[in-house]
């Protein structure tokens, strides 16, 4: 999945707002592989789901190929 820097910033902004985190800090945490810190603030059930998906490459690939994910990515590609 290749998003432009603008689209990635938009996505990080949305995620940061949802998590109550600074988008720059969130980006740094994700780039450093510190996923647990990045998702801190989510409820335990959601954290567990994300952890399980990240441990299962096939599940992650299936999600990224889903129609919902494609629509979301397409929306980012079309503009803010």
N, C-alpha and C. Protein backbone atom coordinates (compact mmCIF):
# COMPACT_ATOMS: atom_id res chain seq x y z
N UNK A 1 0.85 -1.17 0.00
CA UNK A 1 0.00 0.00 0.00
C UNK A 1 0.89 1.22 0.00
N UNK A 2 0.82 2.01 -1.04
CA UNK A 2 1.63 3.22 -1.14
C UNK A 2 0.73 4.44 -1.09
N UNK A 3 0.77 5.15 0.01
CA UNK A 3 0.02 6.39 0.15
C UNK A 3 0.98 7.55 0.00
N UNK A 4 0.48 8.62 -0.58
CA UNK A 4 1.32 9.82 -0.69
C UNK A 4 1.55 10.37 0.71
N UNK A 5 2.59 11.18 0.88
CA UNK A 5 2.84 11.77 2.20
C UNK A 5 1.65 12.57 2.72
N UNK A 6 0.95 13.26 1.83
CA UNK A 6 -0.23 14.02 2.26
C UNK A 6 -1.33 13.11 2.78
N UNK A 7 -1.55 12.00 2.08
CA UNK A 7 -2.58 11.05 2.50
C UNK A 7 -2.18 10.37 3.80
N UNK A 8 -0.92 10.05 3.94
CA UNK A 8 -0.44 9.44 5.17
C UNK A 8 -0.61 10.41 6.34
N UNK A 9 -0.32 11.68 6.12
CA UNK A 9 -0.50 12.68 7.17
C UNK A 9 -1.97 12.80 7.56
N UNK A 10 -2.85 12.73 6.57
CA UNK A 10 -4.29 12.79 6.84
C UNK A 10 -4.71 11.58 7.68
N UNK A 11 -4.26 10.41 7.30
CA UNK A 11 -4.57 9.19 8.03
C UNK A 11 -4.02 9.26 9.46
N UNK A 12 -2.79 9.71 9.61
CA UNK A 12 -2.20 9.85 10.94
C UNK A 12 -2.96 10.87 11.78
N UNK A 13 -3.42 11.93 11.14
CA UNK A 13 -4.21 12.94 11.84
C UNK A 13 -5.52 12.36 12.36
N UNK A 14 -6.18 11.57 11.53
CA UNK A 14 -7.43 10.94 11.94
C UNK A 14 -7.20 9.94 13.06
N UNK A 15 -6.16 9.13 12.92
CA UNK A 15 -5.84 8.14 13.95
C UNK A 15 -5.43 8.84 15.24
N UNK A 16 -4.63 9.88 15.12
CA UNK A 16 -4.20 10.63 16.29
C UNK A 16 -5.38 11.22 17.05
N UNK A 17 -6.34 11.74 16.31
CA UNK A 17 -7.53 12.30 16.94
C UNK A 17 -8.30 11.21 17.68
N UNK A 18 -8.46 10.06 17.06
CA UNK A 18 -9.18 8.94 17.66
C UNK A 18 -8.47 8.44 18.93
N UNK A 19 -7.14 8.42 18.88
CA UNK A 19 -6.36 7.91 20.00
C UNK A 19 -5.99 8.98 21.02
N UNK A 20 -6.26 10.24 20.69
CA UNK A 20 -5.87 11.33 21.58
C UNK A 20 -4.37 11.53 21.61
N UNK A 21 -3.74 11.34 20.44
CA UNK A 21 -2.28 11.45 20.35
C UNK A 21 -1.89 12.47 19.29
N UNK A 22 -0.72 13.03 19.45
CA UNK A 22 -0.15 13.91 18.44
C UNK A 22 0.20 13.07 17.22
N UNK A 23 -0.24 13.47 16.02
CA UNK A 23 0.06 12.69 14.82
C UNK A 23 1.55 12.47 14.58
N UNK A 24 2.37 13.44 14.91
CA UNK A 24 3.82 13.30 14.75
C UNK A 24 4.39 12.23 15.66
N UNK A 25 3.93 12.21 16.91
CA UNK A 25 4.36 11.18 17.85
C UNK A 25 3.88 9.80 17.42
N UNK A 26 2.65 9.75 16.94
CA UNK A 26 2.09 8.49 16.47
C UNK A 26 2.91 7.95 15.30
N UNK A 27 3.26 8.82 14.37
CA UNK A 27 4.07 8.41 13.22
C UNK A 27 5.42 7.86 13.68
N UNK A 28 6.04 8.56 14.61
CA UNK A 28 7.34 8.13 15.12
C UNK A 28 7.24 6.76 15.80
N UNK A 29 6.17 6.56 16.57
CA UNK A 29 5.98 5.28 17.26
C UNK A 29 5.80 4.15 16.25
N UNK A 30 5.01 4.39 15.22
CA UNK A 30 4.77 3.36 14.21
C UNK A 30 6.02 3.06 13.40
N UNK A 31 6.76 4.11 13.04
CA UNK A 31 7.98 3.91 12.26
C UNK A 31 9.04 3.16 13.05
N UNK A 32 9.03 3.33 14.36
CA UNK A 32 10.03 2.64 15.20
C UNK A 32 9.57 1.24 15.57
N UNK A 33 8.35 0.87 15.15
CA UNK A 33 7.83 -0.46 15.45
C UNK A 33 7.21 -0.59 16.82
N UNK A 34 6.98 0.54 17.47
CA UNK A 34 6.42 0.54 18.82
C UNK A 34 4.89 0.54 18.73
N UNK A 35 4.33 -0.55 18.24
CA UNK A 35 2.89 -0.64 18.01
C UNK A 35 2.11 -0.55 19.32
N UNK A 36 2.61 -1.21 20.37
CA UNK A 36 1.87 -1.20 21.63
C UNK A 36 1.70 0.21 22.18
N UNK A 37 2.71 1.04 22.04
CA UNK A 37 2.60 2.43 22.48
C UNK A 37 1.66 3.20 21.57
N UNK A 38 1.71 2.91 20.28
CA UNK A 38 0.88 3.61 19.31
C UNK A 38 -0.61 3.36 19.55
N UNK A 39 -0.96 2.13 19.95
CA UNK A 39 -2.38 1.82 20.14
C UNK A 39 -2.83 1.98 21.59
N UNK A 40 -1.92 2.46 22.44
CA UNK A 40 -2.28 2.73 23.82
C UNK A 40 -3.41 3.76 23.83
N UNK A 41 -4.43 3.50 24.59
CA UNK A 41 -5.58 4.39 24.63
C UNK A 41 -6.82 3.73 24.05
N UNK A 42 -6.62 2.66 23.32
CA UNK A 42 -7.76 1.90 22.80
C UNK A 42 -8.24 0.93 23.88
N UNK A 43 -9.49 0.50 23.78
CA UNK A 43 -9.98 -0.47 24.75
C UNK A 43 -9.26 -1.81 24.54
N UNK A 44 -9.27 -2.63 25.57
CA UNK A 44 -8.51 -3.89 25.55
C UNK A 44 -8.95 -4.81 24.41
N UNK A 45 -10.25 -4.87 24.14
CA UNK A 45 -10.73 -5.73 23.07
C UNK A 45 -10.16 -5.32 21.72
N UNK A 46 -10.14 -4.02 21.45
CA UNK A 46 -9.60 -3.52 20.19
C UNK A 46 -8.10 -3.75 20.11
N UNK A 47 -7.41 -3.51 21.22
CA UNK A 47 -5.96 -3.78 21.25
C UNK A 47 -5.66 -5.24 20.92
N UNK A 48 -6.45 -6.14 21.51
CA UNK A 48 -6.24 -7.57 21.28
C UNK A 48 -6.50 -7.93 19.82
N UNK A 49 -7.54 -7.36 19.23
CA UNK A 49 -7.85 -7.63 17.83
C UNK A 49 -6.70 -7.16 16.94
N UNK A 50 -6.21 -5.96 17.18
CA UNK A 50 -5.10 -5.42 16.38
C UNK A 50 -3.86 -6.29 16.55
N UNK A 51 -3.58 -6.68 17.78
CA UNK A 51 -2.41 -7.53 18.04
C UNK A 51 -2.52 -8.86 17.31
N UNK A 52 -3.70 -9.46 17.33
CA UNK A 52 -3.89 -10.74 16.64
C UNK A 52 -3.74 -10.59 15.13
N UNK A 53 -4.26 -9.52 14.59
CA UNK A 53 -4.15 -9.28 13.15
C UNK A 53 -2.69 -9.07 12.75
N UNK A 54 -1.96 -8.30 13.54
CA UNK A 54 -0.55 -8.02 13.22
C UNK A 54 0.31 -9.27 13.33
N UNK A 55 -0.12 -10.24 14.12
CA UNK A 55 0.63 -11.49 14.25
C UNK A 55 0.32 -12.48 13.12
N UNK A 56 -0.73 -12.19 12.36
CA UNK A 56 -1.19 -13.11 11.32
C UNK A 56 -1.15 -12.42 9.96
N UNK A 57 -0.06 -12.60 9.20
CA UNK A 57 0.07 -11.92 7.90
C UNK A 57 -1.09 -12.19 6.95
N UNK A 58 -1.66 -13.39 7.00
CA UNK A 58 -2.78 -13.70 6.11
C UNK A 58 -4.02 -12.90 6.48
N UNK A 59 -4.25 -12.73 7.77
CA UNK A 59 -5.40 -11.93 8.22
C UNK A 59 -5.20 -10.46 7.83
N UNK A 60 -3.99 -9.96 7.99
CA UNK A 60 -3.70 -8.58 7.62
C UNK A 60 -3.89 -8.37 6.13
N UNK A 61 -3.41 -9.31 5.34
CA UNK A 61 -3.56 -9.21 3.88
C UNK A 61 -5.03 -9.25 3.49
N UNK A 62 -5.82 -10.11 4.13
CA UNK A 62 -7.24 -10.20 3.83
C UNK A 62 -7.95 -8.89 4.15
N UNK A 63 -7.59 -8.26 5.25
CA UNK A 63 -8.20 -6.98 5.61
C UNK A 63 -7.83 -5.91 4.59
N UNK A 64 -6.57 -5.85 4.20
CA UNK A 64 -6.13 -4.84 3.25
C UNK A 64 -6.76 -5.03 1.87
N UNK A 65 -7.15 -6.26 1.56
CA UNK A 65 -7.79 -6.54 0.27
C UNK A 65 -9.31 -6.43 0.33
N UNK A 66 -9.85 -6.15 1.51
CA UNK A 66 -11.30 -6.07 1.66
C UNK A 66 -11.85 -4.83 0.94
N UNK A 67 -13.12 -4.90 0.59
CA UNK A 67 -13.77 -3.78 -0.09
C UNK A 67 -13.76 -2.51 0.76
N UNK A 68 -13.96 -2.67 2.08
CA UNK A 68 -13.95 -1.50 2.96
C UNK A 68 -12.58 -0.81 2.95
N UNK A 69 -11.52 -1.61 3.03
CA UNK A 69 -10.17 -1.03 3.03
C UNK A 69 -9.88 -0.37 1.69
N UNK A 70 -10.28 -1.02 0.61
CA UNK A 70 -10.07 -0.43 -0.72
C UNK A 70 -10.82 0.88 -0.86
N UNK A 71 -12.05 0.94 -0.35
CA UNK A 71 -12.84 2.18 -0.40
C UNK A 71 -12.17 3.28 0.42
N UNK A 72 -11.67 2.91 1.59
CA UNK A 72 -11.00 3.88 2.45
C UNK A 72 -9.75 4.43 1.77
N UNK A 73 -8.95 3.55 1.23
CA UNK A 73 -7.72 3.97 0.55
C UNK A 73 -8.04 4.79 -0.68
N UNK A 74 -9.07 4.39 -1.41
CA UNK A 74 -9.50 5.14 -2.58
C UNK A 74 -9.94 6.55 -2.19
N UNK A 75 -10.64 6.64 -1.07
CA UNK A 75 -11.07 7.96 -0.57
C UNK A 75 -9.89 8.86 -0.27
N UNK A 76 -8.84 8.29 0.31
CA UNK A 76 -7.64 9.07 0.57
C UNK A 76 -6.98 9.50 -0.72
N UNK A 77 -7.00 8.62 -1.71
CA UNK A 77 -6.36 8.92 -2.99
C UNK A 77 -7.08 10.04 -3.73
N UNK A 78 -8.38 10.16 -3.49
CA UNK A 78 -9.16 11.19 -4.19
C UNK A 78 -8.99 12.56 -3.59
N UNK A 79 -8.58 12.64 -2.38
CA UNK A 79 -8.37 13.94 -1.75
C UNK A 79 -8.85 13.97 -0.32
N UNK A 80 -8.49 15.04 0.34
CA UNK A 80 -8.85 15.23 1.75
C UNK A 80 -10.31 15.52 1.81
